[in-house]
């Protein structure tokens, strides 16, 4: 039996165990940087496989290594995120969240259990590949500035530096059994924009005695959209959306201030920096020109995610060999954001999508929704696939 078939057999053999781990994690979710029980569980499982992890990385993260023959030859890193979201689960499943108001609604339970399965497979075949595979179980993907940045700070990509890093994410738009790849720009940067528009309140019947922050805020919101329509290239994916406008006026009361919050997304770091500067200057100048002022706060989030073309091409070919060409598809870029992007700014990276949809089973809900779930058949392939991709990259 060749190594590919052996890995496939192990992926099937351990699939029930991987599903069990996923269900345990799903039932016991923890928020960003609070993944203490999750990290303890991951460490226990790794030790049961004969793998000793380094704990306490980036607060609640773990790093583990599986050394093959000639372990210093080359290193590849694999990543999973462990945190959940502040969402109340609505699905009535046996593994429903036991923690009120906390739910694995983005599939991080899948990523973690899948990488645990990958670890077990790699440990089984470690005498059949050369090099080292580093496993990163990171906290805090859902919360700025992103746990990946802390993992990097704590040396996750050093001593030695991996030649590449591979990550996956559940994708409820793709059927279970399939995976999706894209070379080049893949996901957007994500920054939070907060505007405090300050005027002078008063009675709505005497507007001449006020400086109306509602009117000022309206002009700012409309004008800022022109940064996108007139300063960004039409070929450059970008979006500025204001989702929250709060003011404490009434039908006859003009408030003293209006608070606005929104998000800015881009897929080019130079344009990102330029646009954020323009947003601040425009908002401040419009408010000043209308007699008020605007305090601008920008919370910088994740950078844009770049899939290294050469690495992604090789991993796509490895997936074709593992799953067959009919189960590997090309997908579009997304203006969603992922802190895996930090890794892609340091070493060659590829981030691919794991299909989890099954319409016949009624599993179609999107991520970050209270009814999100996956077709667990995806866990029959994902551990072995990632193990195979890592070994293929080490073999070069």
Protein backbone atom coordinates (compact mmCIF):
# COMPACT_ATOMS: atom_id res chain seq x y z
CA UNK A 1 0.00 0.00 0.00
CA UNK A 2 1.47 3.37 -1.00
CA UNK A 3 1.57 6.37 1.35
CA UNK A 4 -1.44 8.09 -0.25
CA UNK A 5 -3.67 5.06 0.26
CA UNK A 6 -2.34 4.58 3.77
CA UNK A 7 -3.23 8.17 4.70
CA UNK A 8 -6.70 7.76 3.21
CA UNK A 9 -7.20 4.62 5.28
CA UNK A 10 -6.11 6.36 8.46
CA UNK A 11 -8.44 9.31 7.69
CA UNK A 12 -11.37 6.92 7.42
CA UNK A 13 -10.25 4.85 10.41
CA UNK A 14 -10.07 7.85 12.72
CA UNK A 15 -13.06 9.76 11.31
CA UNK A 16 -15.43 8.71 14.12
CA UNK A 17 -12.88 9.87 16.68
CA UNK A 18 -12.51 13.20 14.86
CA UNK A 19 -16.30 13.63 14.81
CA UNK A 20 -16.39 12.86 18.53
CA UNK A 21 -13.72 15.51 19.19
CA UNK A 22 -15.60 18.00 17.06
CA UNK A 23 -18.82 17.38 18.98
CA UNK A 24 -17.04 17.79 22.32
CA UNK A 25 -15.57 21.10 21.19
CA UNK A 26 -18.89 22.23 19.72
CA UNK A 27 -20.72 21.52 22.98
CA UNK A 28 -18.09 23.37 25.02
CA UNK A 29 -17.29 26.58 23.14
CA UNK A 30 -15.17 29.38 24.59
CA UNK A 31 -14.74 32.97 23.47
CA UNK A 32 -11.53 34.54 22.16
CA UNK A 33 -8.58 34.33 24.56
CA UNK A 34 -10.75 32.39 27.00
CA UNK A 35 -10.11 28.99 25.40
CA UNK A 36 -8.56 27.49 28.55
CA UNK A 37 -10.60 24.27 28.61
CA UNK A 38 -10.32 23.95 24.84
CA UNK A 39 -6.53 24.27 25.00
CA UNK A 40 -6.38 21.75 27.83
CA UNK A 41 -8.47 19.31 25.80
CA UNK A 42 -6.29 19.76 22.71
CA UNK A 43 -3.15 19.20 24.77
CA UNK A 44 -4.61 16.02 26.28
CA UNK A 45 -5.53 14.65 22.87
CA UNK A 46 -2.10 15.43 21.43
CA UNK A 47 -0.41 13.66 24.34
CA UNK A 48 -2.64 10.64 23.82
CA UNK A 49 -1.20 10.47 20.28
CA UNK A 50 2.35 10.63 21.66
CA UNK A 51 2.86 14.32 20.76
CA UNK A 52 4.04 16.75 23.44
CA UNK A 53 2.68 20.29 22.87
CA UNK A 54 4.02 23.63 24.04
CA UNK A 55 1.19 25.33 25.91
CA UNK A 56 0.47 28.95 26.84
CA UNK A 57 1.49 30.42 23.49
CA UNK A 58 -0.36 33.67 22.77
CA UNK A 59 -2.22 33.17 26.08
CA UNK A 60 -4.23 30.05 25.22
CA UNK A 61 -2.55 28.74 22.09
CA UNK A 62 -0.48 25.61 21.56
CA UNK A 63 2.36 24.58 19.27
CA UNK A 64 3.34 20.99 18.57
CA UNK A 65 5.74 19.35 16.16
CA UNK A 66 5.80 16.00 14.42
CA UNK A 67 9.27 15.08 13.30
CA UNK A 68 9.79 12.73 10.40
CA UNK A 69 13.07 11.33 9.17
CA UNK A 70 15.80 13.95 8.80
CA UNK A 71 13.64 16.47 10.73
CA UNK A 72 15.92 19.45 10.04
CA UNK A 73 15.52 19.15 6.28
CA UNK A 74 12.42 21.36 6.00
CA UNK A 75 9.42 22.50 8.03
CA UNK A 76 5.78 23.10 7.05
CA UNK A 77 3.23 24.67 9.42
CA UNK A 78 -0.47 23.79 9.70
CA UNK A 79 -2.94 26.04 11.52
CA UNK A 80 -6.30 25.73 13.27
CA UNK A 81 -8.21 28.35 15.29
CA UNK A 82 -10.07 27.44 18.48
CA UNK A 83 -12.35 30.31 19.59
CA UNK A 84 -16.14 30.57 19.36
CA UNK A 85 -18.57 33.47 18.89
CA UNK A 86 -20.99 35.29 21.22
CA UNK A 87 -24.05 33.74 19.53
CA UNK A 88 -26.88 31.73 21.08
CA UNK A 89 -27.22 28.40 19.27
CA UNK A 90 -30.70 27.64 17.92
CA UNK A 91 -30.11 24.20 16.42
CA UNK A 92 -31.52 21.26 18.36
CA UNK A 93 -28.64 18.81 18.03
CA UNK A 94 -27.20 16.40 20.63
CA UNK A 95 -23.95 18.38 20.70
CA UNK A 96 -25.63 21.78 21.12
CA UNK A 97 -23.60 24.38 23.01
CA UNK A 98 -23.73 24.02 26.79
CA UNK A 99 -22.48 27.56 27.30
CA UNK A 100 -25.35 30.08 27.01
CA UNK A 101 -24.68 32.81 24.48
CA UNK A 102 -21.53 31.14 23.11
CA UNK A 103 -21.43 29.02 19.96
CA UNK A 104 -19.02 27.56 17.44
CA UNK A 105 -20.83 29.35 14.62
CA UNK A 106 -17.76 29.73 12.40
CA UNK A 107 -16.52 26.16 12.35
CA UNK A 108 -13.44 26.54 14.52
CA UNK A 109 -14.46 23.31 16.26
CA UNK A 110 -14.14 21.69 12.84
CA UNK A 111 -10.74 23.24 12.19
CA UNK A 112 -9.40 22.14 15.58
CA UNK A 113 -10.72 18.58 15.50
CA UNK A 114 -9.59 18.19 11.90
CA UNK A 115 -6.04 19.27 12.75
CA UNK A 116 -6.04 16.89 15.70
CA UNK A 117 -6.94 14.13 13.24
CA UNK A 118 -4.15 15.31 10.96
CA UNK A 119 -1.74 15.16 13.88
CA UNK A 120 -2.68 11.58 14.63
CA UNK A 121 -2.22 10.52 11.00
CA UNK A 122 1.15 12.26 10.69
CA UNK A 123 2.30 10.63 13.90
CA UNK A 124 1.38 7.24 12.45
CA UNK A 125 3.39 7.77 9.26
CA UNK A 126 6.26 9.89 10.60
CA UNK A 127 8.82 7.28 9.52
CA UNK A 128 7.65 7.68 5.91
CA UNK A 129 8.37 11.36 5.31
CA UNK A 130 11.30 13.71 5.80
CA UNK A 131 11.15 17.03 7.61
CA UNK A 132 8.97 18.44 10.39
CA UNK A 133 5.33 19.49 10.54
CA UNK A 134 4.54 22.25 13.03
CA UNK A 135 0.96 22.43 14.31
CA UNK A 136 -0.45 25.79 15.39
CA UNK A 137 -3.60 25.77 17.51
CA UNK A 138 -4.29 29.47 17.90
CA UNK A 139 -6.72 31.50 20.00
CA UNK A 140 -8.66 34.63 19.20
CA UNK A 141 -9.28 34.60 15.46
CA UNK A 142 -12.59 36.39 15.99
CA UNK A 143 -11.23 39.35 17.97
CA UNK A 144 -8.89 42.18 16.98
CA UNK A 145 -5.98 42.24 16.63
CA UNK A 146 -6.28 38.49 15.95
CA UNK A 147 -4.60 35.59 17.72
CA UNK A 148 -2.39 34.92 14.70
CA UNK A 149 -0.53 38.17 15.38
CA UNK A 150 0.21 37.00 18.92
CA UNK A 151 1.26 33.54 17.72
CA UNK A 152 3.76 35.20 15.38
CA UNK A 153 4.94 37.47 18.21
CA UNK A 154 5.56 34.39 20.35
CA UNK A 155 7.70 32.72 17.69
CA UNK A 156 5.26 30.41 15.92
CA UNK A 157 7.00 31.05 12.59
CA UNK A 158 10.59 30.98 13.82
CA UNK A 159 13.36 28.60 14.92
CA UNK A 160 13.22 27.46 12.21
CA UNK A 161 10.99 29.42 9.89
CA UNK A 162 8.56 27.16 7.96
CA UNK A 163 8.83 27.11 4.19
CA UNK A 164 5.06 27.55 4.08
CA UNK A 165 1.87 27.45 6.11
CA UNK A 166 -1.45 25.82 5.26
CA UNK A 167 -4.87 26.58 6.73
CA UNK A 168 -8.46 25.63 5.99
CA UNK A 169 -11.88 27.08 6.68
CA UNK A 170 -15.35 25.57 6.52
CA UNK A 171 -17.41 26.70 3.53
CA UNK A 172 -21.17 26.16 3.68
CA UNK A 173 -21.57 27.21 0.03
CA UNK A 174 -19.65 24.12 -1.11
CA UNK A 175 -20.85 20.53 -0.75
CA UNK A 176 -19.14 18.25 1.75
CA UNK A 177 -16.50 16.17 0.01
CA UNK A 178 -15.21 19.09 -2.04
CA UNK A 179 -12.55 21.73 -1.41
CA UNK A 180 -11.90 25.10 -3.04
CA UNK A 181 -8.69 26.99 -3.85
CA UNK A 182 -7.71 30.41 -5.17
CA UNK A 183 -4.28 31.78 -6.01
CA UNK A 184 -3.30 35.34 -5.14
CA UNK A 185 -5.48 37.80 -3.26
CA UNK A 186 -8.15 35.89 -1.40
CA UNK A 187 -9.58 37.78 1.58
CA UNK A 188 -9.75 41.43 2.55
CA UNK A 189 -8.23 43.55 5.26
CA UNK A 190 -10.78 44.67 7.84
CA UNK A 191 -10.69 47.94 9.75
CA UNK A 192 -13.32 49.41 12.06
CA UNK A 193 -14.26 53.06 11.60
CA UNK A 194 -15.77 55.09 14.47
CA UNK A 195 -16.95 58.66 13.92
CA UNK A 196 -18.13 60.95 16.70
CA UNK A 197 -19.80 63.94 15.05
CA UNK A 198 -20.15 66.81 17.52
CA UNK A 199 -22.38 69.85 17.06
CA UNK A 200 -24.62 71.95 19.28
CA UNK A 201 -28.04 70.64 20.17
CA UNK A 202 -31.29 72.51 20.61
CA UNK A 203 -34.94 72.73 19.67
CA UNK A 204 -35.90 71.44 16.25
CA UNK A 205 -38.05 74.51 15.60
CA UNK A 206 -35.04 76.83 15.98
CA UNK A 207 -32.32 75.14 13.90
CA UNK A 208 -30.52 78.47 13.41
CA UNK A 209 -29.52 78.30 17.07
CA UNK A 210 -27.92 74.89 16.68
CA UNK A 211 -25.13 73.14 14.82
CA UNK A 212 -26.99 70.05 13.69
CA UNK A 213 -24.77 66.95 13.97
CA UNK A 214 -27.41 64.81 12.24
CA UNK A 215 -27.09 66.85 9.05
CA UNK A 216 -23.31 66.87 9.34
CA UNK A 217 -23.25 63.11 9.86
CA UNK A 218 -25.48 62.60 6.82
CA UNK A 219 -23.11 64.59 4.61
CA UNK A 220 -20.12 62.66 5.94
CA UNK A 221 -21.69 59.25 5.30
CA UNK A 222 -22.63 60.13 1.72
CA UNK A 223 -19.35 61.89 0.94
CA UNK A 224 -17.14 59.09 2.24
CA UNK A 225 -18.64 56.72 -0.32
CA UNK A 226 -16.97 58.80 -3.00
CA UNK A 227 -13.60 57.69 -1.68
CA UNK A 228 -14.58 54.27 -2.96
CA UNK A 229 -16.24 55.38 -6.21
CA UNK A 230 -13.72 58.04 -7.21
CA UNK A 231 -10.40 57.19 -5.54
CA UNK A 232 -10.29 53.40 -5.74
CA UNK A 233 -9.57 51.74 -9.06
CA UNK A 234 -12.62 49.89 -10.39
CA UNK A 235 -10.29 46.89 -10.61
CA UNK A 236 -9.53 47.07 -6.89
CA UNK A 237 -12.03 45.24 -4.62
CA UNK A 238 -12.94 47.52 -1.73
CA UNK A 239 -15.95 48.44 0.38
CA UNK A 240 -16.88 51.00 3.04
CA UNK A 241 -20.07 50.28 4.95
CA UNK A 242 -21.59 52.13 7.91
CA UNK A 243 -23.87 49.79 9.83
CA UNK A 244 -24.54 51.81 12.98
CA UNK A 245 -25.76 55.39 13.49
CA UNK A 246 -26.74 56.43 17.01
CA UNK A 247 -28.12 59.76 18.17
CA UNK A 248 -30.23 60.73 21.17
CA UNK A 249 -32.50 63.33 19.64
CA UNK A 250 -36.28 63.35 19.27
CA UNK A 251 -38.81 64.70 16.78
CA UNK A 252 -38.26 68.19 18.22
CA UNK A 253 -34.78 67.81 19.74
CA UNK A 254 -31.53 68.20 17.82
CA UNK A 255 -28.84 66.22 19.68
CA UNK A 256 -25.36 67.39 20.57
CA UNK A 257 -23.65 64.50 18.81
CA UNK A 258 -24.08 61.52 16.50
CA UNK A 259 -21.99 58.34 16.69
CA UNK A 260 -21.32 56.32 13.56
CA UNK A 261 -19.60 52.94 13.20
CA UNK A 262 -18.67 50.94 10.15
CA UNK A 263 -16.13 48.75 8.39
CA UNK A 264 -13.60 49.34 5.65
CA UNK A 265 -12.35 46.41 3.53
CA UNK A 266 -9.54 46.35 0.98
CA UNK A 267 -7.25 43.90 -0.80
CA UNK A 268 -4.16 46.03 -1.19
CA UNK A 269 -2.13 47.37 1.73
CA UNK A 270 -1.01 50.56 -0.05
CA UNK A 271 -4.58 51.46 -1.00
CA UNK A 272 -5.78 50.49 2.46
CA UNK A 273 -3.43 52.98 4.14
CA UNK A 274 -4.24 55.72 1.64
CA UNK A 275 -8.00 55.23 2.01
CA UNK A 276 -7.92 55.29 5.81
CA UNK A 277 -6.04 58.59 5.69
CA UNK A 278 -8.58 60.01 3.23
CA UNK A 279 -11.49 58.84 5.42
CA UNK A 280 -10.11 60.67 8.41
CA UNK A 281 -9.30 63.89 6.57
CA UNK A 282 -12.62 64.05 4.73
CA UNK A 283 -14.75 63.38 7.81
CA UNK A 284 -12.89 65.99 9.85
CA UNK A 285 -12.96 68.65 7.12
CA UNK A 286 -16.67 68.24 6.33
CA UNK A 287 -17.57 68.58 10.00
CA UNK A 288 -15.34 71.63 10.42
CA UNK A 289 -16.73 73.24 7.27
CA UNK A 290 -20.27 72.87 8.64
CA UNK A 291 -19.41 74.38 12.01
CA UNK A 292 -18.97 71.18 14.02
CA UNK A 293 -16.19 68.69 14.49
CA UNK A 294 -15.63 64.99 13.98
CA UNK A 295 -13.48 62.72 16.11
CA UNK A 296 -12.27 59.82 14.01
CA UNK A 297 -11.10 56.55 15.57
CA UNK A 298 -9.77 53.79 13.34
CA UNK A 299 -9.27 50.33 14.81
CA UNK A 300 -6.94 48.55 12.42
CA UNK A 301 -7.84 44.92 11.93
CA UNK A 302 -6.39 42.08 9.89
CA UNK A 303 -4.32 42.66 6.75
CA UNK A 304 -5.44 41.25 3.43
CA UNK A 305 -4.82 37.57 2.83
CA UNK A 306 -2.53 36.64 -0.03
CA UNK A 307 -2.42 33.01 -1.16
CA UNK A 308 1.06 32.36 -2.48
CA UNK A 309 0.46 31.30 -6.10
CA UNK A 310 3.16 28.61 -6.29
CA UNK A 311 2.31 27.01 -2.93
CA UNK A 312 -1.42 27.18 -3.63
CA UNK A 313 -0.93 25.58 -7.04
CA UNK A 314 1.03 22.72 -5.50
CA UNK A 315 -1.56 22.21 -2.75
CA UNK A 316 -4.35 22.21 -5.31
CA UNK A 317 -2.51 19.49 -7.25
CA UNK A 318 -2.08 17.52 -4.02
CA UNK A 319 -5.82 17.84 -3.36
CA UNK A 320 -6.61 16.59 -6.85
CA UNK A 321 -4.43 13.55 -6.23
CA UNK A 322 -6.18 12.92 -2.90
CA UNK A 323 -9.82 13.68 -3.80
CA UNK A 324 -9.99 13.49 -7.58
CA UNK A 325 -10.34 16.46 -9.95
CA UNK A 326 -14.15 16.51 -9.69
CA UNK A 327 -13.90 17.39 -5.98
CA UNK A 328 -11.45 20.29 -6.26
CA UNK A 329 -12.85 23.61 -7.46
CA UNK A 330 -11.66 27.17 -8.04
CA UNK A 331 -13.37 29.78 -5.88
CA UNK A 332 -13.62 33.58 -5.90
CA UNK A 333 -12.02 36.05 -3.55
CA UNK A 334 -14.00 37.30 -0.59
CA UNK A 335 -14.24 40.64 1.20
CA UNK A 336 -14.53 38.73 4.43
CA UNK A 337 -11.45 38.84 6.67
CA UNK A 338 -9.32 36.22 8.43
CA UNK A 339 -6.35 36.64 10.73
CA UNK A 340 -4.59 33.83 8.86
CA UNK A 341 -3.62 36.82 6.71
CA UNK A 342 -0.90 37.70 9.24
CA UNK A 343 0.86 34.43 8.46
CA UNK A 344 0.63 35.16 4.73
CA UNK A 345 2.54 38.41 5.31
CA UNK A 346 5.49 36.47 6.81
CA UNK A 347 5.82 33.14 4.95
CA UNK A 348 4.27 31.64 1.79
CA UNK A 349 0.73 30.66 2.73
CA UNK A 350 -2.32 28.97 1.31
CA UNK A 351 -5.79 29.10 2.80
CA UNK A 352 -8.40 26.84 1.25
CA UNK A 353 -12.10 26.12 1.77
CA UNK A 354 -13.53 22.86 3.09
CA UNK A 355 -17.01 22.10 1.76
CA UNK A 356 -19.51 21.41 4.58
CA UNK A 357 -22.91 21.83 2.88
CA UNK A 358 -25.50 19.10 2.44
CA UNK A 359 -28.83 20.36 1.16
CA UNK A 360 -30.49 16.93 1.46
CA UNK A 361 -29.70 16.89 5.17
CA UNK A 362 -30.87 20.48 5.58
CA UNK A 363 -27.36 21.71 6.35
CA UNK A 364 -27.19 25.01 4.49
CA UNK A 365 -26.92 27.77 7.13
CA UNK A 366 -24.04 30.19 6.66
CA UNK A 367 -21.32 30.90 9.22
CA UNK A 368 -21.98 33.35 12.07
CA UNK A 369 -25.63 32.34 12.24
CA UNK A 370 -27.37 30.57 15.18
CA UNK A 371 -28.30 27.55 13.04
CA UNK A 372 -24.87 26.91 11.55
CA UNK A 373 -23.80 23.27 11.40
CA UNK A 374 -21.79 21.05 9.07
CA UNK A 375 -22.16 17.74 7.29
CA UNK A 376 -19.70 15.75 9.38
CA UNK A 377 -18.82 13.62 6.34
CA UNK A 378 -16.38 16.47 5.64
CA UNK A 379 -14.36 15.20 8.59
CA UNK A 380 -13.77 11.92 6.80
CA UNK A 381 -11.53 13.67 4.29
CA UNK A 382 -10.14 16.84 5.90
CA UNK A 383 -7.57 15.30 8.31
CA UNK A 384 -6.03 13.06 5.68
CA UNK A 385 -6.06 15.75 3.03
CA UNK A 386 -4.10 18.19 5.19
CA UNK A 387 -1.64 15.45 6.19
CA UNK A 388 -1.11 14.58 2.52
CA UNK A 389 -0.62 18.22 1.51
CA UNK A 390 1.95 18.77 4.27
CA UNK A 391 3.92 15.67 3.27
CA UNK A 392 3.83 16.63 -0.40
CA UNK A 393 5.28 20.05 0.39
CA UNK A 394 8.00 18.51 2.55
CA UNK A 395 8.95 16.12 -0.26
CA UNK A 396 10.05 18.89 -2.63
